[in-house]
C-alpha atoms as a PDB file:
ATOM      1  CA  MET A   1       0.761 -13.490  99.125  1.00  0.00           C
ATOM      2  CA  MET A   2       2.162 -11.527  95.647  1.00  0.00           C
ATOM      3  CA  ARG A   3       4.746 -14.361  96.097  1.00  0.00           C
ATOM      4  CA  LYS A   4       2.230 -17.139  95.266  1.00  0.00           C
ATOM      5  CA  TRP A   5       0.233 -15.380  92.128  1.00  0.00           C
ATOM      6  CA  MET A   6       4.128 -14.809  90.598  1.00  0.00           C
ATOM      7  CA  ILE A   7       4.445 -18.040  91.294  1.00  0.00           C
ATOM      8  CA  SER A   8       1.247 -19.521  89.790  1.00  0.00           C
ATOM      9  CA  LEU A   9       1.554 -17.240  86.816  1.00  0.00           C
ATOM     10  CA  PHE A  10       4.903 -18.442  86.006  1.00  0.00           C
ATOM     11  CA  ALA A  11       3.290 -22.367  86.114  1.00  0.00           C
ATOM     12  CA  VAL A  12       0.569 -21.608  83.868  1.00  0.00           C
ATOM     13  CA  SER A  13       2.052 -19.539  81.225  1.00  0.00           C
ATOM     14  CA  ILE A  14       4.673 -22.749  81.338  1.00  0.00           C
ATOM     15  CA  LEU A  15       2.285 -25.175  80.651  1.00  0.00           C
ATOM     16  CA  LEU A  16       0.266 -23.025  78.106  1.00  0.00           C
ATOM     17  CA  SER A  17       3.605 -22.450  76.123  1.00  0.00           C
ATOM     18  CA  GLY A  18       4.002 -26.582  75.906  1.00  0.00           C
ATOM     19  CA  CYS A  19       0.894 -26.841  74.707  1.00  0.00           C
ATOM     20  CA  SER A  20       0.962 -24.500  71.757  1.00  0.00           C
ATOM     21  CA  SER A  21       4.894 -25.774  71.016  1.00  0.00           C
ATOM     22  CA  GLU A  22       3.039 -29.508  70.045  1.00  0.00           C
ATOM     23  CA  ASP A  23       0.565 -27.882  68.218  1.00  0.00           C
ATOM     24  CA  ASP A  24       2.756 -25.803  65.967  1.00  0.00           C
ATOM     25  CA  LYS A  25       5.257 -29.383  65.370  1.00  0.00           C
ATOM     26  CA  ALA A  26       1.989 -31.026  64.477  1.00  0.00           C
ATOM     27  CA  THR A  27       1.012 -28.605  61.993  1.00  0.00           C
ATOM     28  CA  ALA A  28       4.202 -28.305  60.633  1.00  0.00           C
ATOM     29  CA  ASP A  29       3.951 -32.294  60.411  1.00  0.00           C
ATOM     30  CA  LYS A  30       0.945 -31.781  58.440  1.00  0.00           C
ATOM     31  CA  THR A  31       2.272 -29.967  55.978  1.00  0.00           C
ATOM     32  CA  PRO A  32       6.144 -30.008  54.375  1.00  0.00           C
ATOM     33  CA  SER A  33       4.939 -30.375  50.767  1.00  0.00           C
ATOM     34  CA  THR A  34       3.989 -26.698  50.631  1.00  0.00           C
ATOM     35  CA  LEU A  35       7.686 -25.740  51.332  1.00  0.00           C
ATOM     36  CA  THR A  36       8.512 -26.612  47.241  1.00  0.00           C
ATOM     37  CA  GLU A  37       7.056 -24.490  44.575  1.00  0.00           C
ATOM     38  CA  VAL A  38       4.859 -26.379  42.332  1.00  0.00           C
ATOM     39  CA  LYS A  39       5.910 -25.497  38.808  1.00  0.00           C
ATOM     40  CA  VAL A  40       3.517 -25.528  35.207  1.00  0.00           C
ATOM     41  CA  LYS A  41       5.495 -25.507  32.379  1.00  0.00           C
ATOM     42  CA  PHE A  42       3.341 -24.909  29.101  1.00  0.00           C
ATOM     43  CA  LEU A  43       4.308 -28.052  26.209  1.00  0.00           C
ATOM     44  CA  THR A  44       2.325 -26.626  23.568  1.00  0.00           C
ATOM     45  CA  PRO A  45       5.064 -24.399  21.070  1.00  0.00           C
ATOM     46  CA  GLU A  46       4.154 -20.538  21.081  1.00  0.00           C
ATOM     47  CA  LYS A  47       4.029 -20.826  16.877  1.00  0.00           C
ATOM     48  CA  ASN A  48       1.118 -23.031  15.822  1.00  0.00           C
ATOM     49  CA  SER A  49      -0.449 -23.841  11.928  1.00  0.00           C
ATOM     50  CA  ASN A  50      -3.651 -22.263  10.624  1.00  0.00           C
ATOM     51  CA  GLN A  51      -6.010 -24.705  12.873  1.00  0.00           C
ATOM     52  CA  THR A  52      -9.090 -24.085  14.489  1.00  0.00           C
ATOM     53  CA  GLU A  53      -8.252 -26.209  17.577  1.00  0.00           C
ATOM     54  CA  LEU A  54      -5.542 -25.784  19.777  1.00  0.00           C
ATOM     55  CA  LEU A  55      -3.972 -28.940  21.800  1.00  0.00           C
ATOM     56  CA  LEU A  56      -3.138 -27.238  25.719  1.00  0.00           C
ATOM     57  CA  GLN A  57      -0.536 -28.862  27.488  1.00  0.00           C
ATOM     58  CA  VAL A  58       1.608 -28.442  30.343  1.00  0.00           C
ATOM     59  CA  GLU A  59       3.557 -30.502  32.956  1.00  0.00           C
ATOM     60  CA  VAL A  60       3.623 -30.107  36.101  1.00  0.00           C
ATOM     61  CA  THR A  61       6.218 -30.997  39.032  1.00  0.00           C
ATOM     62  CA  GLN A  62       7.159 -30.196  42.809  1.00  0.00           C
ATOM     63  CA  GLY A  63      11.056 -30.806  42.854  1.00  0.00           C
ATOM     64  CA  LYS A  64      11.504 -33.632  40.861  1.00  0.00           C
ATOM     65  CA  GLU A  65       8.289 -34.782  41.020  1.00  0.00           C
ATOM     66  CA  LYS A  66       5.367 -35.088  38.320  1.00  0.00           C
ATOM     67  CA  ILE A  67       2.567 -34.570  40.175  1.00  0.00           C
ATOM     68  CA  GLU A  68      -0.486 -36.574  38.989  1.00  0.00           C
ATOM     69  CA  ASP A  69      -3.200 -35.465  41.765  1.00  0.00           C
ATOM     70  CA  ALA A  70      -3.956 -32.308  40.886  1.00  0.00           C
ATOM     71  CA  THR A  71      -6.879 -31.042  42.889  1.00  0.00           C
ATOM     72  CA  SER A  72      -7.534 -28.447  39.335  1.00  0.00           C
ATOM     73  CA  VAL A  73      -6.047 -27.646  35.973  1.00  0.00           C
ATOM     74  CA  GLN A  74      -7.942 -25.229  33.583  1.00  0.00           C
ATOM     75  CA  PHE A  75      -6.608 -23.014  30.912  1.00  0.00           C
ATOM     76  CA  GLU A  76      -8.196 -19.630  30.486  1.00  0.00           C
ATOM     77  CA  ILE A  77      -7.668 -18.206  26.554  1.00  0.00           C
ATOM     78  CA  TRP A  78      -8.672 -15.707  24.211  1.00  0.00           C
ATOM     79  CA  PRO A  79      -7.447 -14.087  21.602  1.00  0.00           C
ATOM     80  CA  SER A  80      -5.647 -11.119  21.774  1.00  0.00           C
ATOM     81  CA  GLY A  81      -7.352  -8.072  23.212  1.00  0.00           C
ATOM     82  CA  GLU A  82     -10.098  -9.705  24.272  1.00  0.00           C
ATOM     83  CA  ARG A  83      -9.856 -10.994  27.597  1.00  0.00           C
ATOM     84  CA  LYS A  84     -12.664  -8.762  28.910  1.00  0.00           C
ATOM     85  CA  THR A  85     -15.362 -10.086  26.174  1.00  0.00           C
ATOM     86  CA  ASN A  86     -14.597 -13.335  24.683  1.00  0.00           C
ATOM     87  CA  ALA A  87     -12.034 -15.652  27.475  1.00  0.00           C
ATOM     88  CA  GLN A  88     -12.851 -19.465  27.112  1.00  0.00           C
ATOM     89  CA  LEU A  89     -12.380 -21.578  29.867  1.00  0.00           C
ATOM     90  CA  VAL A  90     -11.296 -25.468  29.764  1.00  0.00           C
ATOM     91  CA  ASP A  91     -11.422 -27.831  31.481  1.00  0.00           C
ATOM     92  CA  ALA A  92      -7.914 -30.013  31.704  1.00  0.00           C
ATOM     93  CA  LYS A  93      -7.454 -33.710  31.930  1.00  0.00           C
ATOM     94  CA  TYR A  94      -4.563 -35.697  33.227  1.00  0.00           C
ATOM     95  CA  VAL A  95      -2.540 -37.391  30.634  1.00  0.00           C
ATOM     96  CA  GLU A  96       0.231 -39.123  32.031  1.00  0.00           C
ATOM     97  CA  ASN A  97       3.792 -38.381  33.820  1.00  0.00           C
ATOM     98  CA  GLY A  98       2.275 -34.849  34.908  1.00  0.00           C
ATOM     99  CA  ILE A  99       0.513 -33.874  31.748  1.00  0.00           C
ATOM    100  CA  TYR A 100      -2.684 -32.769  31.807  1.00  0.00           C
ATOM    101  CA  GLU A 101      -4.133 -31.430  28.372  1.00  0.00           C
ATOM    102  CA  ALA A 102      -7.313 -30.101  27.002  1.00  0.00           C
ATOM    103  CA  THR A 103      -8.344 -28.347  23.244  1.00  0.00           C
ATOM    104  CA  ALA A 104      -9.046 -24.985  22.872  1.00  0.00           C
ATOM    105  CA  LYS A 105     -11.043 -23.429  19.817  1.00  0.00           C
ATOM    106  CA  VAL A 106      -9.346 -20.581  18.072  1.00  0.00           C
ATOM    107  CA  LYS A 107      -9.114 -18.689  14.899  1.00  0.00           C
ATOM    108  CA  ALA A 108      -6.808 -19.132  12.009  1.00  0.00           C
ATOM    109  CA  ASP A 109      -4.444 -16.186  11.526  1.00  0.00           C
ATOM    110  CA  SER A 110      -4.974 -14.895  15.311  1.00  0.00           C
ATOM    111  CA  VAL A 111      -2.794 -14.625  18.380  1.00  0.00           C
ATOM    112  CA  TYR A 112      -3.921 -15.980  21.482  1.00  0.00           C
ATOM    113  CA  TYR A 113      -3.083 -15.345  25.073  1.00  0.00           C
ATOM    114  CA  ALA A 114      -3.734 -18.699  28.144  1.00  0.00           C
ATOM    115  CA  TYR A 115      -3.750 -18.493  31.555  1.00  0.00           C
ATOM    116  CA  ALA A 116      -3.239 -22.502  33.427  1.00  0.00           C
ATOM    117  CA  HIS A 117      -4.864 -21.678  36.407  1.00  0.00           C
ATOM    118  CA  THR A 118      -3.491 -24.855  38.104  1.00  0.00           C
ATOM    119  CA  GLU A 119      -4.376 -26.026  41.405  1.00  0.00           C
ATOM    120  CA  ALA A 120      -1.969 -28.277  43.208  1.00  0.00           C
ATOM    121  CA  ARG A 121      -0.621 -29.549  47.053  1.00  0.00           C
ATOM    122  CA  GLY A 122      -2.641 -26.497  48.417  1.00  0.00           C
ATOM    123  CA  LEU A 123      -0.842 -24.021  45.828  1.00  0.00           C
ATOM    124  CA  HIS A 124      -2.405 -21.782  43.356  1.00  0.00           C
ATOM    125  CA  VAL A 125      -0.378 -21.289  39.871  1.00  0.00           C
ATOM    126  CA  MET A 126      -1.265 -19.857  37.078  1.00  0.00           C
ATOM    127  CA  PRO A 127       1.942 -19.028  34.026  1.00  0.00           C
ATOM    128  CA  LYS A 128       0.745 -17.365  30.905  1.00  0.00           C
ATOM    129  CA  GLN A 129       1.802 -18.315  27.526  1.00  0.00           C
ATOM    130  CA  LYS A 130       1.324 -16.842  24.149  1.00  0.00           C
ATOM    131  CA  PHE A 131       0.298 -18.890  20.982  1.00  0.00           C
ATOM    132  CA  ILE A 132       0.575 -17.252  17.269  1.00  0.00           C
ATOM    133  CA  ILE A 133      -1.903 -19.496  15.070  1.00  0.00           C
ATOM    134  CA  GLY A 134      -0.921 -19.662  11.478  1.00  0.00           C
ATOM    135  CA  GLN A 135       0.306 -15.678   9.691  1.00  0.00           C
ATOM    136  CA  PRO A 136      -1.484 -13.565  11.896  1.00  0.00           C
ATOM    137  CA  ASP A 137      -0.610  -9.815  11.327  1.00  0.00           C
ATOM    138  CA  LEU A 138       1.962  -9.230  14.288  1.00  0.00           C
ATOM    139  CA  ASN A 139       1.487  -5.240  14.100  1.00  0.00           C
ATOM    140  CA  LYS A 140      -2.376  -5.208  14.851  1.00  0.00           C
ATOM    141  CA  VAL A 141      -1.609  -7.408  18.087  1.00  0.00           C
ATOM    142  CA  GLN A 142      -2.300  -6.446  21.551  1.00  0.00           C
ATOM    143  CA  THR A 143       0.443  -6.461  24.312  1.00  0.00           C
ATOM    144  CA  GLU A 144      -1.733  -8.922  27.426  1.00  0.00           C
ATOM    145  CA  LYS A 145      -0.673  -7.910  30.553  1.00  0.00           C
END
């Protein structure tokens, strides 16, 4: 009797392990693009002329492919030292060749920081960039973490 139980238990475990292998393979086949890192690169120069609007641009890629179908690209931009009190969120629009852009209002002679919150192919990427507008007094600029 004990021997029949052992054989039955062994047979059931083999059947169950076979099913889980198929499920794992099916899941792996559905998500190959997440194995390659999504990269977001700011194209807007760090130093900018005195202006009241700043054109923010990023290029979104995965491997050598330029991503045209990002779920969301949103810029969070704020003056130095004022992220908690004065940050603005600006939705970017797709332009071409993996480039997304938006315009943000800025003050003359200031330093701004921005995150490019990017959702693409199941991944969230958020690089940060500093922007110098005009000729600010850099001794008064607070370093952002």
